[in-house]
Amino acid sequence: MPELSRFFGVIIRMYARDHLPPHFHAIYGTEDVSICVSDFRVLAGWLR
């Protein structure tokens, strides 16, 4: 899975052929959040 960025322990990834709308995942430890690319709304998950 492609890693776009890593900073302060947060990993930003985008998965090929993932469901719509286009989004990226931010992972911090065991926490994961999906964020919509167009308007940055949270689709699922939570980060502290």
PDB file of N, CA and C in Angstrom:
ATOM      1  N   MET A   1       0.827  -1.180   0.000  1.00  0.00           N
ATOM      2  CA  MET A   1       0.000   0.000   0.000  1.00  0.00           C
ATOM      3  C   MET A   1       0.874   1.246   0.000  1.00  0.00           C
ATOM      4  N   PRO A   2       0.605   2.177  -0.893  1.00  0.00           N
ATOM      5  CA  PRO A   2       1.457   3.351  -1.056  1.00  0.00           C
ATOM      6  C   PRO A   2       1.387   4.290   0.148  1.00  0.00           C
ATOM      7  N   GLU A   3       2.532   4.643   0.623  1.00  0.00           N
ATOM      8  CA  GLU A   3       2.638   5.597   1.711  1.00  0.00           C
ATOM      9  C   GLU A   3       2.976   6.955   1.100  1.00  0.00           C
ATOM     10  N   LEU A   4       2.103   7.930   1.299  1.00  0.00           N
ATOM     11  CA  LEU A   4       2.320   9.251   0.719  1.00  0.00           C
ATOM     12  C   LEU A   4       3.186  10.135   1.593  1.00  0.00           C
ATOM     13  N   SER A   5       3.018   9.993   2.916  1.00  0.00           N
ATOM     14  CA  SER A   5       3.754  10.859   3.826  1.00  0.00           C
ATOM     15  C   SER A   5       3.837  10.206   5.198  1.00  0.00           C
ATOM     16  N   ARG A   6       4.853  10.613   5.956  1.00  0.00           N
ATOM     17  CA  ARG A   6       4.996  10.163   7.336  1.00  0.00           C
ATOM     18  C   ARG A   6       5.551  11.337   8.133  1.00  0.00           C
ATOM     19  N   PHE A   7       4.852  11.727   9.198  1.00  0.00           N
ATOM     20  CA  PHE A   7       5.301  12.833  10.023  1.00  0.00           C
ATOM     21  C   PHE A   7       4.771  12.677  11.436  1.00  0.00           C
ATOM     22  N   PHE A   8       5.597  12.927  12.422  1.00  0.00           N
ATOM     23  CA  PHE A   8       5.235  12.830  13.844  1.00  0.00           C
ATOM     24  C   PHE A   8       4.509  11.532  14.175  1.00  0.00           C
ATOM     25  N   GLY A   9       4.858  10.444  13.513  1.00  0.00           N
ATOM     26  CA  GLY A   9       4.235   9.153  13.770  1.00  0.00           C
ATOM     27  C   GLY A   9       2.951   8.901  13.012  1.00  0.00           C
ATOM     28  N   VAL A  10       2.473   9.885  12.249  1.00  0.00           N
ATOM     29  CA  VAL A  10       1.248   9.739  11.452  1.00  0.00           C
ATOM     30  C   VAL A  10       1.641   9.294  10.044  1.00  0.00           C
ATOM     31  N   ILE A  11       0.972   8.264   9.538  1.00  0.00           N
ATOM     32  CA  ILE A  11       1.227   7.757   8.190  1.00  0.00           C
ATOM     33  C   ILE A  11       0.014   8.072   7.324  1.00  0.00           C
ATOM     34  N   ILE A  12       0.248   8.675   6.164  1.00  0.00           N
ATOM     35  CA  ILE A  12      -0.816   8.994   5.210  1.00  0.00           C
ATOM     36  C   ILE A  12      -0.717   8.014   4.052  1.00  0.00           C
ATOM     37  N   ARG A  13      -1.831   7.311   3.777  1.00  0.00           N
ATOM     38  CA  ARG A  13      -1.856   6.318   2.702  1.00  0.00           C
ATOM     39  C   ARG A  13      -3.098   6.484   1.851  1.00  0.00           C
ATOM     40  N   MET A  14      -2.963   6.114   0.570  1.00  0.00           N
ATOM     41  CA  MET A  14      -4.113   6.005  -0.338  1.00  0.00           C
ATOM     42  C   MET A  14      -4.056   4.624  -0.955  1.00  0.00           C
ATOM     43  N   TYR A  15      -5.192   3.959  -0.992  1.00  0.00           N
ATOM     44  CA  TYR A  15      -5.275   2.597  -1.519  1.00  0.00           C
ATOM     45  C   TYR A  15      -5.822   2.629  -2.937  1.00  0.00           C
ATOM     46  N   ALA A  16      -5.199   1.880  -3.836  1.00  0.00           N
ATOM     47  CA  ALA A  16      -5.666   1.787  -5.225  1.00  0.00           C
ATOM     48  C   ALA A  16      -6.988   1.029  -5.267  1.00  0.00           C
ATOM     49  N   ARG A  17      -7.882   1.489  -6.108  1.00  0.00           N
ATOM     50  CA  ARG A  17      -9.185   0.850  -6.326  1.00  0.00           C
ATOM     51  C   ARG A  17     -10.011   0.716  -5.050  1.00  0.00           C
ATOM     52  N   ASP A  18      -9.879   1.680  -4.155  1.00  0.00           N
ATOM     53  CA  ASP A  18     -10.688   1.704  -2.936  1.00  0.00           C
ATOM     54  C   ASP A  18     -12.051   2.300  -3.270  1.00  0.00           C
ATOM     55  N   HIS A  19     -12.978   2.213  -2.358  1.00  0.00           N
ATOM     56  CA  HIS A  19     -14.355   2.685  -2.586  1.00  0.00           C
ATOM     57  C   HIS A  19     -14.414   4.205  -2.750  1.00  0.00           C
ATOM     58  N   LEU A  20     -15.487   4.681  -3.351  1.00  0.00           N
ATOM     59  CA  LEU A  20     -15.726   6.119  -3.516  1.00  0.00           C
ATOM     60  C   LEU A  20     -16.337   6.677  -2.240  1.00  0.00           C
ATOM     61  N   PRO A  21     -16.227   7.945  -1.974  1.00  0.00           N
ATOM     62  CA  PRO A  21     -15.514   8.990  -2.697  1.00  0.00           C
ATOM     63  C   PRO A  21     -14.000   8.862  -2.492  1.00  0.00           C
ATOM     64  N   PRO A  22     -13.224   9.533  -3.352  1.00  0.00           N
ATOM     65  CA  PRO A  22     -11.771   9.495  -3.185  1.00  0.00           C
ATOM     66  C   PRO A  22     -11.384   9.981  -1.784  1.00  0.00           C
ATOM     67  N   HIS A  23     -10.517   9.239  -1.127  1.00  0.00           N
ATOM     68  CA  HIS A  23     -10.145   9.570   0.244  1.00  0.00           C
ATOM     69  C   HIS A  23      -8.754   9.038   0.552  1.00  0.00           C
ATOM     70  N   PHE A  24      -8.213   9.486   1.672  1.00  0.00           N
ATOM     71  CA  PHE A  24      -6.939   8.967   2.151  1.00  0.00           C
ATOM     72  C   PHE A  24      -7.118   8.508   3.591  1.00  0.00           C
ATOM     73  N   HIS A  25      -6.195   7.675   4.032  1.00  0.00           N
ATOM     74  CA  HIS A  25      -6.213   7.155   5.390  1.00  0.00           C
ATOM     75  C   HIS A  25      -5.058   7.781   6.158  1.00  0.00           C
ATOM     76  N   ALA A  26      -5.329   8.238   7.357  1.00  0.00           N
ATOM     77  CA  ALA A  26      -4.296   8.696   8.273  1.00  0.00           C
ATOM     78  C   ALA A  26      -4.240   7.669   9.397  1.00  0.00           C
ATOM     79  N   ILE A  27      -3.069   7.104   9.623  1.00  0.00           N
ATOM     80  CA  ILE A  27      -2.891   6.046  10.612  1.00  0.00           C
ATOM     81  C   ILE A  27      -1.905   6.533  11.663  1.00  0.00           C
ATOM     82  N   TYR A  28      -2.288   6.376  12.918  1.00  0.00           N
ATOM     83  CA  TYR A  28      -1.420   6.739  14.038  1.00  0.00           C
ATOM     84  C   TYR A  28      -1.513   5.618  15.066  1.00  0.00           C
ATOM     85  N   GLY A  29      -0.485   4.804  15.153  1.00  0.00           N
ATOM     86  CA  GLY A  29      -0.519   3.641  16.039  1.00  0.00           C
ATOM     87  C   GLY A  29      -1.579   2.662  15.562  1.00  0.00           C
ATOM     88  N   THR A  30      -2.572   2.405  16.412  1.00  0.00           N
ATOM     89  CA  THR A  30      -3.660   1.496  16.052  1.00  0.00           C
ATOM     90  C   THR A  30      -4.896   2.240  15.566  1.00  0.00           C
ATOM     91  N   GLU A  31      -4.860   3.573  15.550  1.00  0.00           N
ATOM     92  CA  GLU A  31      -6.005   4.375  15.133  1.00  0.00           C
ATOM     93  C   GLU A  31      -5.931   4.668  13.641  1.00  0.00           C
ATOM     94  N   ASP A  32      -7.095   4.729  12.984  1.00  0.00           N
ATOM     95  CA  ASP A  32      -7.171   4.957  11.539  1.00  0.00           C
ATOM     96  C   ASP A  32      -8.380   5.840  11.260  1.00  0.00           C
ATOM     97  N   VAL A  33      -8.189   6.837  10.411  1.00  0.00           N
ATOM     98  CA  VAL A  33      -9.288   7.701   9.993  1.00  0.00           C
ATOM     99  C   VAL A  33      -9.253   7.817   8.472  1.00  0.00           C
ATOM    100  N   SER A  34     -10.430   7.810   7.854  1.00  0.00           N
ATOM    101  CA  SER A  34     -10.558   8.019   6.405  1.00  0.00           C
ATOM    102  C   SER A  34     -11.075   9.436   6.188  1.00  0.00           C
ATOM    103  N   ILE A  35     -10.380  10.202   5.342  1.00  0.00           N
ATOM    104  CA  ILE A  35     -10.722  11.606   5.121  1.00  0.00           C
ATOM    105  C   ILE A  35     -10.947  11.843   3.634  1.00  0.00           C
ATOM    106  N   CYS A  36     -12.085  12.455   3.302  1.00  0.00           N
ATOM    107  CA  CYS A  36     -12.461  12.751   1.928  1.00  0.00           C
ATOM    108  C   CYS A  36     -11.502  13.787   1.343  1.00  0.00           C
ATOM    109  N   VAL A  37     -11.032  13.550   0.123  1.00  0.00           N
ATOM    110  CA  VAL A  37     -10.067  14.440  -0.523  1.00  0.00           C
ATOM    111  C   VAL A  37     -10.696  15.784  -0.891  1.00  0.00           C
ATOM    112  N   SER A  38     -11.933  15.783  -1.357  1.00  0.00           N
ATOM    113  CA  SER A  38     -12.537  17.010  -1.882  1.00  0.00           C
ATOM    114  C   SER A  38     -12.880  18.046  -0.812  1.00  0.00           C
ATOM    115  N   ASP A  39     -13.333  17.604   0.363  1.00  0.00           N
ATOM    116  CA  ASP A  39     -13.756  18.581   1.377  1.00  0.00           C
ATOM    117  C   ASP A  39     -13.211  18.289   2.778  1.00  0.00           C
ATOM    118  N   PHE A  40     -12.335  17.306   2.890  1.00  0.00           N
ATOM    119  CA  PHE A  40     -11.655  16.948   4.144  1.00  0.00           C
ATOM    120  C   PHE A  40     -12.592  16.534   5.272  1.00  0.00           C
ATOM    121  N   ARG A  41     -13.778  16.048   4.930  1.00  0.00           N
ATOM    122  CA  ARG A  41     -14.672  15.536   5.988  1.00  0.00           C
ATOM    123  C   ARG A  41     -14.244  14.124   6.358  1.00  0.00           C
ATOM    124  N   VAL A  42     -14.489  13.776   7.607  1.00  0.00           N
ATOM    125  CA  VAL A  42     -14.150  12.444   8.100  1.00  0.00           C
ATOM    126  C   VAL A  42     -15.207  11.471   7.638  1.00  0.00           C
ATOM    127  N   LEU A  43     -14.790  10.427   6.948  1.00  0.00           N
ATOM    128  CA  LEU A  43     -15.710   9.396   6.474  1.00  0.00           C
ATOM    129  C   LEU A  43     -15.889   8.292   7.507  1.00  0.00           C
ATOM    130  N   ALA A  44     -14.818   7.925   8.174  1.00  0.00           N
ATOM    131  CA  ALA A  44     -14.867   6.865   9.178  1.00  0.00           C
ATOM    132  C   ALA A  44     -13.639   6.961  10.059  1.00  0.00           C
ATOM    133  N   GLY A  45     -13.776   6.530  11.288  1.00  0.00           N
ATOM    134  CA  GLY A  45     -12.644   6.463  12.196  1.00  0.00           C
ATOM    135  C   GLY A  45     -12.447   7.719  12.998  1.00  0.00           C
ATOM    136  N   TRP A  46     -11.306   7.720  13.709  1.00  0.00           N
ATOM    137  CA  TRP A  46     -11.003   8.817  14.622  1.00  0.00           C
ATOM    138  C   TRP A  46      -9.511   8.796  14.945  1.00  0.00           C
ATOM    139  N   LEU A  47      -8.934   9.960  15.100  1.00  0.00           N
ATOM    140  CA  LEU A  47      -7.561  10.111  15.613  1.00  0.00           C
ATOM    141  C   LEU A  47      -7.599  11.081  16.773  1.00  0.00           C
ATOM    142  N   ARG A  48      -6.757  10.829  17.762  1.00  0.00           N
ATOM    143  CA  ARG A  48      -6.705  11.782  18.873  1.00  0.00           C
ATOM    144  C   ARG A  48      -5.894  12.996  18.520  1.00  0.00           C
TER     145      ARG A  48
END
